[in-house]
Amino acid sequence: MLAHFSHHLLTALPVPLLPFIRDDFTLDYTQAGLVVSVFNLSYGIGQLPAGWLADRIGPRILITIGICGVALVGFLVGLSQTYIMLIVLLALMGVVGGGYHPSAAPMISASVEPRNRGRALGFHLIGGSGSFFLAPLIAAAIATIWGWRGSFIGLAVPTMIFGIIFLCASGPAGKNEQNPTDNNPPP
């Protein structure tokens, strides 16, 4: 649940911060819409190869890359000085963040008894939903003091810290990384 929360802490920011971003870069409505669309498109597309990659390197590593990658790119989004730089970084955030979901479900499924999988996955999903509720509130509060950039930078730090904690706390490489539905190694 905390991994999902931390992952979406930054990915939930473009929409509530859009008015601040729009004013800062003096964007028209089309350009502002592209800020949100480019992230969502790259995030969706990034999940396709991420599922394949998770089967090869293991979900633990890909989840860590997803959380820490979103944190690093989120920090850089906060430093972006041009509209083009912002768009490129949000696209990159979508690609690196796309590795989270295809990795989390098999890792959770492998770590709990079959009779508890639905409950475990439901509990995990609360983290993402909670983040989509709280991140805009937190970001708006930060943005009124330090601007929209401060929200990305300020929330990137705890997200990176949690990504490192997740890597250390999730056990040695290989633990909980076998997809329970796979009896054969990937080709």
N, C-alpha and C. Protein backbone atom coordinates (compact mmCIF):
# COMPACT_ATOMS: atom_id res chain seq x y z
N MET A 1 0.82 -1.18 0.00
CA MET A 1 0.00 0.00 0.00
C MET A 1 0.88 1.26 0.00
N LEU A 2 1.92 1.28 0.83
CA LEU A 2 2.80 2.45 0.89
C LEU A 2 3.59 2.63 -0.39
N ALA A 3 3.97 1.52 -1.02
CA ALA A 3 4.68 1.62 -2.29
C ALA A 3 3.78 2.27 -3.34
N HIS A 4 2.54 1.84 -3.38
CA HIS A 4 1.59 2.40 -4.35
C HIS A 4 1.33 3.87 -4.05
N PHE A 5 1.19 4.20 -2.78
CA PHE A 5 0.98 5.59 -2.37
C PHE A 5 2.14 6.47 -2.82
N SER A 6 3.37 6.01 -2.51
CA SER A 6 4.53 6.83 -2.84
C SER A 6 4.70 6.99 -4.35
N HIS A 7 4.40 5.93 -5.09
CA HIS A 7 4.51 5.99 -6.55
C HIS A 7 3.58 7.06 -7.12
N HIS A 8 2.33 7.07 -6.65
CA HIS A 8 1.36 8.02 -7.19
C HIS A 8 1.42 9.39 -6.54
N LEU A 9 2.26 9.55 -5.54
CA LEU A 9 2.40 10.85 -4.91
C LEU A 9 2.83 11.90 -5.94
N LEU A 10 3.72 11.52 -6.83
CA LEU A 10 4.17 12.45 -7.87
C LEU A 10 3.38 12.35 -9.16
N THR A 11 2.94 11.15 -9.50
CA THR A 11 2.21 11.01 -10.77
C THR A 11 0.84 11.67 -10.71
N ALA A 12 0.35 11.96 -9.52
CA ALA A 12 -0.95 12.62 -9.38
C ALA A 12 -0.85 14.14 -9.45
N LEU A 13 0.34 14.69 -9.56
CA LEU A 13 0.52 16.14 -9.47
C LEU A 13 0.18 16.97 -10.71
N PRO A 14 0.38 16.50 -11.92
CA PRO A 14 0.14 17.39 -13.07
C PRO A 14 -1.26 18.02 -13.11
N VAL A 15 -2.29 17.27 -12.80
CA VAL A 15 -3.65 17.82 -12.91
C VAL A 15 -3.90 18.93 -11.89
N PRO A 16 -3.69 18.71 -10.59
CA PRO A 16 -3.99 19.80 -9.65
C PRO A 16 -3.05 20.99 -9.77
N LEU A 17 -1.84 20.77 -10.30
CA LEU A 17 -0.89 21.87 -10.44
C LEU A 17 -0.99 22.56 -11.80
N LEU A 18 -1.87 22.06 -12.65
CA LEU A 18 -1.99 22.62 -14.00
C LEU A 18 -2.27 24.12 -14.02
N PRO A 19 -3.13 24.66 -13.16
CA PRO A 19 -3.33 26.12 -13.19
C PRO A 19 -2.05 26.90 -12.90
N PHE A 20 -1.23 26.40 -11.97
CA PHE A 20 0.05 27.05 -11.66
C PHE A 20 1.01 26.95 -12.84
N ILE A 21 1.08 25.75 -13.43
CA ILE A 21 1.97 25.52 -14.58
C ILE A 21 1.53 26.38 -15.76
N ARG A 22 0.23 26.42 -16.00
CA ARG A 22 -0.32 27.19 -17.12
C ARG A 22 0.05 28.67 -16.98
N ASP A 23 -0.11 29.21 -15.77
CA ASP A 23 0.23 30.61 -15.55
C ASP A 23 1.73 30.86 -15.70
N ASP A 24 2.53 29.95 -15.16
CA ASP A 24 3.98 30.13 -15.19
C ASP A 24 4.54 30.14 -16.61
N PHE A 25 4.05 29.24 -17.45
CA PHE A 25 4.54 29.14 -18.82
C PHE A 25 3.64 29.88 -19.82
N THR A 26 2.63 30.58 -19.33
CA THR A 26 1.62 31.27 -20.17
C THR A 26 1.14 30.37 -21.31
N LEU A 27 0.57 29.25 -20.93
CA LEU A 27 0.12 28.25 -21.89
C LEU A 27 -1.32 28.52 -22.31
N ASP A 28 -1.61 28.17 -23.56
CA ASP A 28 -3.02 28.18 -23.98
C ASP A 28 -3.63 26.85 -23.53
N TYR A 29 -4.92 26.68 -23.77
CA TYR A 29 -5.60 25.47 -23.29
C TYR A 29 -5.08 24.20 -23.95
N THR A 30 -4.72 24.27 -25.19
CA THR A 30 -4.18 23.10 -25.89
C THR A 30 -2.85 22.69 -25.28
N GLN A 31 -1.97 23.65 -25.08
CA GLN A 31 -0.67 23.35 -24.47
C GLN A 31 -0.85 22.81 -23.06
N ALA A 32 -1.77 23.38 -22.31
CA ALA A 32 -2.02 22.91 -20.95
C ALA A 32 -2.56 21.48 -20.97
N GLY A 33 -3.44 21.20 -21.90
CA GLY A 33 -3.95 19.84 -22.02
C GLY A 33 -2.87 18.84 -22.36
N LEU A 34 -1.91 19.26 -23.15
CA LEU A 34 -0.80 18.39 -23.52
C LEU A 34 0.06 18.03 -22.30
N VAL A 35 0.15 18.92 -21.33
CA VAL A 35 0.91 18.64 -20.11
C VAL A 35 0.38 17.37 -19.45
N VAL A 36 -0.92 17.26 -19.35
CA VAL A 36 -1.54 16.08 -18.73
C VAL A 36 -1.53 14.90 -19.69
N SER A 37 -1.85 15.15 -20.94
CA SER A 37 -1.97 14.07 -21.92
C SER A 37 -0.65 13.36 -22.18
N VAL A 38 0.44 14.09 -22.29
CA VAL A 38 1.72 13.46 -22.60
C VAL A 38 2.14 12.52 -21.47
N PHE A 39 1.89 12.90 -20.24
CA PHE A 39 2.21 12.00 -19.13
C PHE A 39 1.35 10.75 -19.19
N ASN A 40 0.04 10.93 -19.31
CA ASN A 40 -0.87 9.78 -19.30
C ASN A 40 -0.61 8.83 -20.47
N LEU A 41 -0.32 9.37 -21.64
CA LEU A 41 -0.04 8.54 -22.80
C LEU A 41 1.24 7.73 -22.59
N SER A 42 2.30 8.40 -22.16
CA SER A 42 3.57 7.69 -21.96
C SER A 42 3.47 6.70 -20.81
N TYR A 43 2.68 7.03 -19.81
CA TYR A 43 2.47 6.12 -18.67
C TYR A 43 1.78 4.85 -19.13
N GLY A 44 0.75 5.00 -19.93
CA GLY A 44 0.05 3.84 -20.45
C GLY A 44 0.91 3.00 -21.37
N ILE A 45 1.60 3.66 -22.29
CA ILE A 45 2.47 2.94 -23.22
C ILE A 45 3.63 2.28 -22.48
N GLY A 46 4.15 2.94 -21.45
CA GLY A 46 5.26 2.39 -20.68
C GLY A 46 4.93 1.09 -19.98
N GLN A 47 3.66 0.84 -19.72
CA GLN A 47 3.27 -0.38 -19.03
C GLN A 47 3.38 -1.61 -19.92
N LEU A 48 3.30 -1.43 -21.23
CA LEU A 48 3.39 -2.57 -22.14
C LEU A 48 4.75 -3.26 -22.06
N PRO A 49 5.85 -2.56 -22.31
CA PRO A 49 7.14 -3.24 -22.19
C PRO A 49 7.51 -3.55 -20.75
N ALA A 50 6.94 -2.83 -19.80
CA ALA A 50 7.27 -3.05 -18.39
C ALA A 50 6.82 -4.43 -17.93
N GLY A 51 5.69 -4.91 -18.41
CA GLY A 51 5.24 -6.25 -18.04
C GLY A 51 6.24 -7.30 -18.50
N TRP A 52 6.71 -7.15 -19.73
CA TRP A 52 7.71 -8.06 -20.27
C TRP A 52 9.00 -7.98 -19.45
N LEU A 53 9.42 -6.74 -19.14
CA LEU A 53 10.66 -6.53 -18.39
C LEU A 53 10.55 -7.08 -16.97
N ALA A 54 9.40 -6.93 -16.34
CA ALA A 54 9.20 -7.44 -14.98
C ALA A 54 9.39 -8.95 -14.94
N ASP A 55 8.97 -9.64 -16.00
CA ASP A 55 9.15 -11.09 -16.06
C ASP A 55 10.62 -11.48 -16.20
N ARG A 56 11.45 -10.58 -16.65
CA ARG A 56 12.85 -10.90 -16.86
C ARG A 56 13.76 -10.45 -15.73
N ILE A 57 13.54 -9.26 -15.20
CA ILE A 57 14.43 -8.77 -14.14
C ILE A 57 13.81 -8.89 -12.75
N GLY A 58 12.54 -9.18 -12.68
CA GLY A 58 11.85 -9.34 -11.41
C GLY A 58 11.10 -8.09 -11.01
N PRO A 59 9.94 -8.29 -10.39
CA PRO A 59 9.11 -7.15 -10.02
C PRO A 59 9.73 -6.24 -8.96
N ARG A 60 10.50 -6.80 -8.05
CA ARG A 60 11.11 -5.98 -6.98
C ARG A 60 11.98 -4.88 -7.58
N ILE A 61 12.80 -5.25 -8.54
CA ILE A 61 13.69 -4.28 -9.17
C ILE A 61 12.88 -3.26 -9.98
N LEU A 62 11.89 -3.73 -10.73
CA LEU A 62 11.13 -2.81 -11.56
C LEU A 62 10.26 -1.87 -10.72
N ILE A 63 9.73 -2.35 -9.60
CA ILE A 63 8.98 -1.46 -8.70
C ILE A 63 9.92 -0.39 -8.15
N THR A 64 11.11 -0.79 -7.76
CA THR A 64 12.09 0.17 -7.25
C THR A 64 12.45 1.20 -8.32
N ILE A 65 12.67 0.73 -9.54
CA ILE A 65 12.95 1.65 -10.65
C ILE A 65 11.76 2.58 -10.85
N GLY A 66 10.55 2.04 -10.76
CA GLY A 66 9.36 2.86 -10.93
C GLY A 66 9.25 3.95 -9.88
N ILE A 67 9.43 3.59 -8.62
CA ILE A 67 9.31 4.57 -7.54
C ILE A 67 10.45 5.58 -7.58
N CYS A 68 11.68 5.08 -7.62
CA CYS A 68 12.84 5.99 -7.62
C CYS A 68 12.94 6.79 -8.92
N GLY A 69 12.57 6.16 -10.04
CA GLY A 69 12.58 6.88 -11.31
C GLY A 69 11.58 8.01 -11.34
N VAL A 70 10.38 7.76 -10.83
CA VAL A 70 9.37 8.81 -10.75
C VAL A 70 9.87 9.93 -9.83
N ALA A 71 10.52 9.57 -8.74
CA ALA A 71 11.05 10.59 -7.81
C ALA A 71 12.13 11.43 -8.49
N LEU A 72 13.07 10.79 -9.15
CA LEU A 72 14.15 11.52 -9.80
C LEU A 72 13.61 12.43 -10.91
N VAL A 73 12.76 11.89 -11.76
CA VAL A 73 12.22 12.70 -12.85
C VAL A 73 11.29 13.77 -12.29
N GLY A 74 10.54 13.46 -11.23
CA GLY A 74 9.69 14.47 -10.60
C GLY A 74 10.50 15.64 -10.07
N PHE A 75 11.65 15.33 -9.50
CA PHE A 75 12.56 16.38 -9.03
C PHE A 75 12.99 17.26 -10.21
N LEU A 76 13.34 16.61 -11.32
CA LEU A 76 13.76 17.35 -12.52
C LEU A 76 12.61 18.15 -13.12
N VAL A 77 11.38 17.63 -13.04
CA VAL A 77 10.21 18.38 -13.50
C VAL A 77 10.14 19.70 -12.74
N GLY A 78 10.41 19.64 -11.44
CA GLY A 78 10.40 20.85 -10.63
C GLY A 78 11.47 21.85 -11.03
N LEU A 79 12.50 21.39 -11.70
CA LEU A 79 13.58 22.27 -12.15
C LEU A 79 13.39 22.74 -13.60
N SER A 80 12.39 22.23 -14.28
CA SER A 80 12.21 22.56 -15.70
C SER A 80 11.96 24.05 -15.88
N GLN A 81 12.64 24.60 -16.87
CA GLN A 81 12.56 26.04 -17.13
C GLN A 81 11.84 26.38 -18.43
N THR A 82 11.57 25.37 -19.24
CA THR A 82 10.85 25.62 -20.49
C THR A 82 9.70 24.63 -20.62
N TYR A 83 8.76 25.00 -21.44
CA TYR A 83 7.61 24.13 -21.70
C TYR A 83 8.05 22.81 -22.32
N ILE A 84 8.96 22.87 -23.28
CA ILE A 84 9.45 21.66 -23.94
C ILE A 84 10.14 20.75 -22.93
N MET A 85 10.95 21.31 -22.07
CA MET A 85 11.62 20.52 -21.04
C MET A 85 10.59 19.85 -20.14
N LEU A 86 9.56 20.58 -19.76
CA LEU A 86 8.49 20.03 -18.92
C LEU A 86 7.81 18.85 -19.62
N ILE A 87 7.47 19.02 -20.88
CA ILE A 87 6.79 17.96 -21.64
C ILE A 87 7.68 16.72 -21.75
N VAL A 88 8.94 16.90 -22.07
CA VAL A 88 9.87 15.77 -22.21
C VAL A 88 10.00 15.04 -20.87
N LEU A 89 10.15 15.79 -19.79
CA LEU A 89 10.31 15.16 -18.48
C LEU A 89 9.03 14.45 -18.03
N LEU A 90 7.87 15.01 -18.31
CA LEU A 90 6.63 14.33 -17.95
C LEU A 90 6.46 13.05 -18.77
N ALA A 91 6.89 13.07 -20.03
CA ALA A 91 6.85 11.84 -20.83
C ALA A 91 7.79 10.80 -20.24
N LEU A 92 8.97 11.23 -19.83
CA LEU A 92 9.93 10.31 -19.20
C LEU A 92 9.38 9.78 -17.88
N MET A 93 8.72 10.63 -17.11
CA MET A 93 8.11 10.19 -15.85
C MET A 93 7.08 9.10 -16.12
N GLY A 94 6.31 9.27 -17.18
CA GLY A 94 5.33 8.25 -17.53
C GLY A 94 5.97 6.92 -17.88
N VAL A 95 7.04 6.96 -18.65
CA VAL A 95 7.72 5.73 -19.05
C VAL A 95 8.30 5.01 -17.84
N VAL A 96 9.05 5.72 -16.99
CA VAL A 96 9.65 5.04 -15.83
C VAL A 96 8.59 4.63 -14.82
N GLY A 97 7.54 5.42 -14.69
CA GLY A 97 6.47 5.07 -13.77
C GLY A 97 5.63 3.91 -14.25
N GLY A 98 5.63 3.68 -15.56
CA GLY A 98 4.84 2.60 -16.13
C GLY A 98 5.25 1.22 -15.67
N GLY A 99 6.41 1.09 -15.08
CA GLY A 99 6.86 -0.22 -14.60
C GLY A 99 6.24 -0.66 -13.29
N TYR A 100 5.58 0.23 -12.61
CA TYR A 100 5.06 -0.11 -11.28
C TYR A 100 3.93 -1.14 -11.32
N HIS A 101 2.86 -0.84 -12.02
CA HIS A 101 1.67 -1.70 -11.98
C HIS A 101 1.90 -3.12 -12.51
N PRO A 102 2.61 -3.30 -13.63
CA PRO A 102 2.81 -4.67 -14.10
C PRO A 102 3.70 -5.50 -13.17
N SER A 103 4.39 -4.84 -12.25
CA SER A 103 5.26 -5.54 -11.32
C SER A 103 4.59 -5.81 -9.98
N ALA A 104 3.76 -4.88 -9.54
CA ALA A 104 3.18 -4.98 -8.20
C ALA A 104 2.23 -6.17 -8.06
N ALA A 105 1.35 -6.36 -9.02
CA ALA A 105 0.36 -7.45 -8.91
C ALA A 105 1.01 -8.82 -8.80
N PRO A 106 1.98 -9.18 -9.66
CA PRO A 106 2.60 -10.50 -9.50
C PRO A 106 3.40 -10.63 -8.21
N MET A 107 4.03 -9.54 -7.77
CA MET A 107 4.80 -9.61 -6.53
C MET A 107 3.88 -9.84 -5.34
N ILE A 108 2.77 -9.12 -5.30
CA ILE A 108 1.81 -9.31 -4.21
C ILE A 108 1.22 -10.70 -4.29
N SER A 109 0.84 -11.14 -5.47
CA SER A 109 0.24 -12.46 -5.63
C SER A 109 1.18 -13.57 -5.18
N ALA A 110 2.46 -13.41 -5.44
CA ALA A 110 3.43 -14.42 -5.05
C ALA A 110 3.71 -14.42 -3.55
N SER A 111 3.40 -13.32 -2.88
CA SER A 111 3.77 -13.21 -1.47
C SER A 111 2.64 -13.54 -0.50
N VAL A 112 1.44 -13.81 -1.00
CA VAL A 112 0.32 -14.14 -0.11
C VAL A 112 -0.33 -15.44 -0.54
N GLU A 113 -1.02 -16.06 0.39
CA GLU A 113 -1.75 -17.29 0.09
C GLU A 113 -2.84 -17.01 -0.95
N PRO A 114 -3.12 -17.96 -1.81
CA PRO A 114 -4.14 -17.74 -2.84
C PRO A 114 -5.48 -17.25 -2.28
N ARG A 115 -5.89 -17.72 -1.13
CA ARG A 115 -7.18 -17.31 -0.58
C ARG A 115 -7.18 -15.85 -0.11
N ASN A 116 -6.00 -15.24 0.04
CA ASN A 116 -5.89 -13.86 0.50
C ASN A 116 -5.48 -12.88 -0.59
N ARG A 117 -5.33 -13.35 -1.80
CA ARG A 117 -4.81 -12.48 -2.88
C ARG A 117 -5.74 -11.32 -3.19
N GLY A 118 -7.01 -11.56 -3.29
CA GLY A 118 -7.95 -10.47 -3.58
C GLY A 118 -7.91 -9.40 -2.52
N ARG A 119 -7.89 -9.81 -1.27
CA ARG A 119 -7.83 -8.86 -0.16
C ARG A 119 -6.51 -8.09 -0.18
N ALA A 120 -5.41 -8.80 -0.43
CA ALA A 120 -4.09 -8.15 -0.46
C ALA A 120 -4.02 -7.13 -1.60
N LEU A 121 -4.52 -7.50 -2.77
CA LEU A 121 -4.51 -6.57 -3.90
C LEU A 121 -5.43 -5.38 -3.63
N GLY A 122 -6.58 -5.63 -3.01
CA GLY A 122 -7.48 -4.53 -2.66
C GLY A 122 -6.85 -3.57 -1.68
N PHE A 123 -6.17 -4.12 -0.68
CA PHE A 123 -5.48 -3.28 0.31
C PHE A 123 -4.39 -2.45 -0.38
N HIS A 124 -3.68 -3.09 -1.29
CA HIS A 124 -2.63 -2.40 -2.04
C HIS A 124 -3.20 -1.24 -2.85
N LEU A 125 -4.34 -1.45 -3.47
CA LEU A 125 -4.95 -0.42 -4.32
C LEU A 125 -5.39 0.80 -3.53
N ILE A 126 -5.66 0.62 -2.25
CA ILE A 126 -6.02 1.76 -1.40
C ILE A 126 -4.90 2.81 -1.42
N GLY A 127 -3.65 2.36 -1.48
CA GLY A 127 -2.52 3.29 -1.51
C GLY A 127 -2.57 4.23 -2.69
N GLY A 128 -2.86 3.70 -3.87
CA GLY A 128 -2.96 4.55 -5.05
C GLY A 128 -4.12 5.52 -4.96
N SER A 129 -5.27 5.01 -4.52
CA SER A 129 -6.45 5.88 -4.38
C SER A 129 -6.22 6.95 -3.32
N GLY A 130 -5.60 6.56 -2.22
CA GLY A 130 -5.30 7.53 -1.16
C GLY A 130 -4.37 8.62 -1.65
N SER A 131 -3.43 8.23 -2.48
CA SER A 131 -2.50 9.21 -3.03
C SER A 131 -3.20 10.17 -3.98
N PHE A 132 -4.10 9.65 -4.80
CA PHE A 132 -4.83 10.54 -5.71
C PHE A 132 -5.74 11.50 -4.95
N PHE A 133 -6.11 11.13 -3.72
CA PHE A 133 -6.90 12.04 -2.88
C PHE A 133 -6.00 13.05 -2.18
N LEU A 134 -4.91 12.57 -1.56
CA LEU A 134 -4.07 13.45 -0.74
C LEU A 134 -3.06 14.27 -1.52
N ALA A 135 -2.49 13.72 -2.58
CA ALA A 135 -1.45 14.44 -3.32
C ALA A 135 -1.91 15.82 -3.80
N PRO A 136 -3.09 15.96 -4.37
CA PRO A 136 -3.52 17.30 -4.79
C PRO A 136 -3.64 18.28 -3.62
N LEU A 137 -4.11 17.79 -2.48
CA LEU A 137 -4.24 18.66 -1.31
C LEU A 137 -2.87 19.11 -0.81
N ILE A 138 -1.96 18.15 -0.72
CA ILE A 138 -0.60 18.47 -0.26
C ILE A 138 0.09 19.38 -1.27
N ALA A 139 -0.03 19.04 -2.56
CA ALA A 139 0.63 19.82 -3.61
C ALA A 139 0.11 21.25 -3.66
N ALA A 140 -1.19 21.42 -3.53
CA ALA A 140 -1.76 22.77 -3.57
C ALA A 140 -1.26 23.59 -2.39
N ALA A 141 -1.17 22.97 -1.22
CA ALA A 141 -0.66 23.69 -0.05
C ALA A 141 0.79 24.11 -0.25
N ILE A 142 1.60 23.19 -0.77
CA ILE A 142 3.01 23.51 -1.03
C ILE A 142 3.11 24.58 -2.12
N ALA A 143 2.30 24.45 -3.18
CA ALA A 143 2.37 25.38 -4.31
C ALA A 143 2.00 26.80 -3.92
N THR A 144 1.12 26.97 -2.96
CA THR A 144 0.77 28.33 -2.54
C THR A 144 1.93 29.01 -1.83
N ILE A 145 2.84 28.22 -1.29
CA ILE A 145 4.01 28.78 -0.59
C ILE A 145 5.23 28.82 -1.51
N TRP A 146 5.56 27.70 -2.16
CA TRP A 146 6.79 27.59 -2.95
C TRP A 146 6.56 27.40 -4.44
N GLY A 147 5.34 27.51 -4.91
CA GLY A 147 5.05 27.35 -6.33
C GLY A 147 4.93 25.90 -6.73
N TRP A 148 4.51 25.68 -7.98
CA TRP A 148 4.30 24.32 -8.45
C TRP A 148 5.60 23.52 -8.48
N ARG A 149 6.71 24.20 -8.75
CA ARG A 149 8.00 23.51 -8.76
C ARG A 149 8.34 22.96 -7.38
N GLY A 150 8.03 23.73 -6.36
CA GLY A 150 8.27 23.29 -4.99
C GLY A 150 7.50 22.04 -4.64
N SER A 151 6.31 21.89 -5.21
CA SER A 151 5.51 20.68 -4.97
C SER A 151 6.20 19.46 -5.56
N PHE A 152 6.66 19.56 -6.80
CA PHE A 152 7.36 18.42 -7.41
C PHE A 152 8.65 18.10 -6.67
N ILE A 153 9.44 19.13 -6.39
CA ILE A 153 10.73 18.90 -5.71
C ILE A 153 10.50 18.39 -4.29
N GLY A 154 9.59 19.03 -3.57
CA GLY A 154 9.34 18.65 -2.18
C GLY A 154 8.79 17.25 -2.03
N LEU A 155 7.95 16.80 -2.95
CA LEU A 155 7.38 15.46 -2.85
C LEU A 155 8.28 14.40 -3.48
N ALA A 156 9.24 14.82 -4.29
CA ALA A 156 10.19 13.87 -4.87
C ALA A 156 11.11 13.29 -3.80
N VAL A 157 11.46 14.10 -2.83
CA VAL A 157 12.41 13.65 -1.80
C VAL A 157 11.85 12.48 -0.98
N PRO A 158 10.66 12.60 -0.37
CA PRO A 158 10.16 11.44 0.38
C PRO A 158 9.85 10.24 -0.51
N THR A 159 9.49 10.49 -1.76
CA THR A 159 9.24 9.38 -2.68
C THR A 159 10.53 8.61 -2.94
N MET A 160 11.63 9.31 -3.16
CA MET A 160 12.93 8.65 -3.36
C MET A 160 13.33 7.87 -2.12
N ILE A 161 13.16 8.48 -0.97
CA ILE A 161 13.50 7.80 0.29
C ILE A 161 12.69 6.52 0.43
N PHE A 162 11.40 6.59 0.13
CA PHE A 162 10.59 5.39 0.24
C PHE A 162 11.00 4.34 -0.78
N GLY A 163 11.38 4.74 -1.98
CA GLY A 163 11.85 3.78 -2.97
C GLY A 163 13.06 3.00 -2.47
N ILE A 164 13.96 3.69 -1.80
CA ILE A 164 15.15 3.03 -1.24
C ILE A 164 14.75 2.12 -0.09
N ILE A 165 13.84 2.58 0.76
CA ILE A 165 13.34 1.75 1.86
C ILE A 165 12.66 0.50 1.30
N PHE A 166 11.86 0.66 0.26
CA PHE A 166 11.19 -0.48 -0.36
C PHE A 166 12.21 -1.51 -0.84
N LEU A 167 13.24 -1.06 -1.51
CA LEU A 167 14.26 -1.97 -2.02
C LEU A 167 14.90 -2.76 -0.89
N CYS A 168 15.24 -2.07 0.19
CA CYS A 168 15.88 -2.73 1.33
C CYS A 168 14.92 -3.64 2.09
N ALA A 169 13.68 -3.21 2.25
CA ALA A 169 12.72 -3.95 3.07
C ALA A 169 12.06 -5.10 2.32
N SER A 170 12.13 -5.11 1.01
CA SER A 170 11.43 -6.15 0.25
C SER A 170 12.24 -7.43 0.14
N GLY A 171 13.35 -7.50 0.83
CA GLY A 171 14.11 -8.74 0.88
C GLY A 171 15.15 -8.84 -0.22
N PRO A 172 15.88 -9.94 -0.19
CA PRO A 172 16.93 -10.13 -1.19
C PRO A 172 16.35 -10.33 -2.58
N ALA A 173 17.17 -10.04 -3.57
CA ALA A 173 16.73 -10.20 -4.96
C ALA A 173 16.24 -11.62 -5.17
N GLY A 174 15.15 -11.73 -5.89
CA GLY A 174 14.59 -13.04 -6.18
C GLY A 174 13.43 -13.40 -5.27
N LYS A 175 13.39 -12.86 -4.06
CA LYS A 175 12.29 -13.17 -3.14
C LYS A 175 11.01 -12.54 -3.67
N ASN A 176 9.95 -13.32 -3.68
CA ASN A 176 8.63 -12.87 -4.14
C ASN A 176 8.64 -12.40 -5.58
N GLU A 177 9.54 -12.92 -6.37
CA GLU A 177 9.63 -12.45 -7.75
C GLU A 177 9.13 -13.47 -8.76
N GLN A 178 8.76 -14.65 -8.33
CA GLN A 178 8.22 -15.63 -9.27
C GLN A 178 6.73 -15.41 -9.40
N ASN A 179 6.27 -15.24 -10.61
CA ASN A 179 4.84 -15.10 -10.86
C ASN A 179 4.18 -16.44 -10.54
N PRO A 180 3.19 -16.47 -9.63
CA PRO A 180 2.61 -17.74 -9.22
C PRO A 180 1.91 -18.49 -10.35
N THR A 181 1.58 -17.84 -11.42
CA THR A 181 0.91 -18.52 -12.53
C THR A 181 1.91 -19.06 -13.54
N ASP A 182 3.16 -18.74 -13.38
CA ASP A 182 4.18 -19.20 -14.32
C ASP A 182 4.87 -20.44 -13.77
N ASN A 183 4.81 -21.52 -14.50
CA ASN A 183 5.55 -22.72 -14.13
C ASN A 183 6.81 -22.85 -14.97
N ASN A 184 6.88 -22.07 -16.01
CA ASN A 184 8.03 -22.10 -16.90
C ASN A 184 8.70 -20.74 -16.89
N PRO A 185 10.03 -20.72 -17.03
CA PRO A 185 10.70 -19.42 -17.11
C PRO A 185 10.31 -18.71 -18.40
N PRO A 186 10.38 -17.37 -18.38
CA PRO A 186 10.04 -16.63 -19.60
C PRO A 186 11.00 -16.96 -20.73
N PRO A 187 10.53 -16.89 -21.99
CA PRO A 187 11.41 -17.20 -23.13
C PRO A 187 12.50 -16.19 -23.30
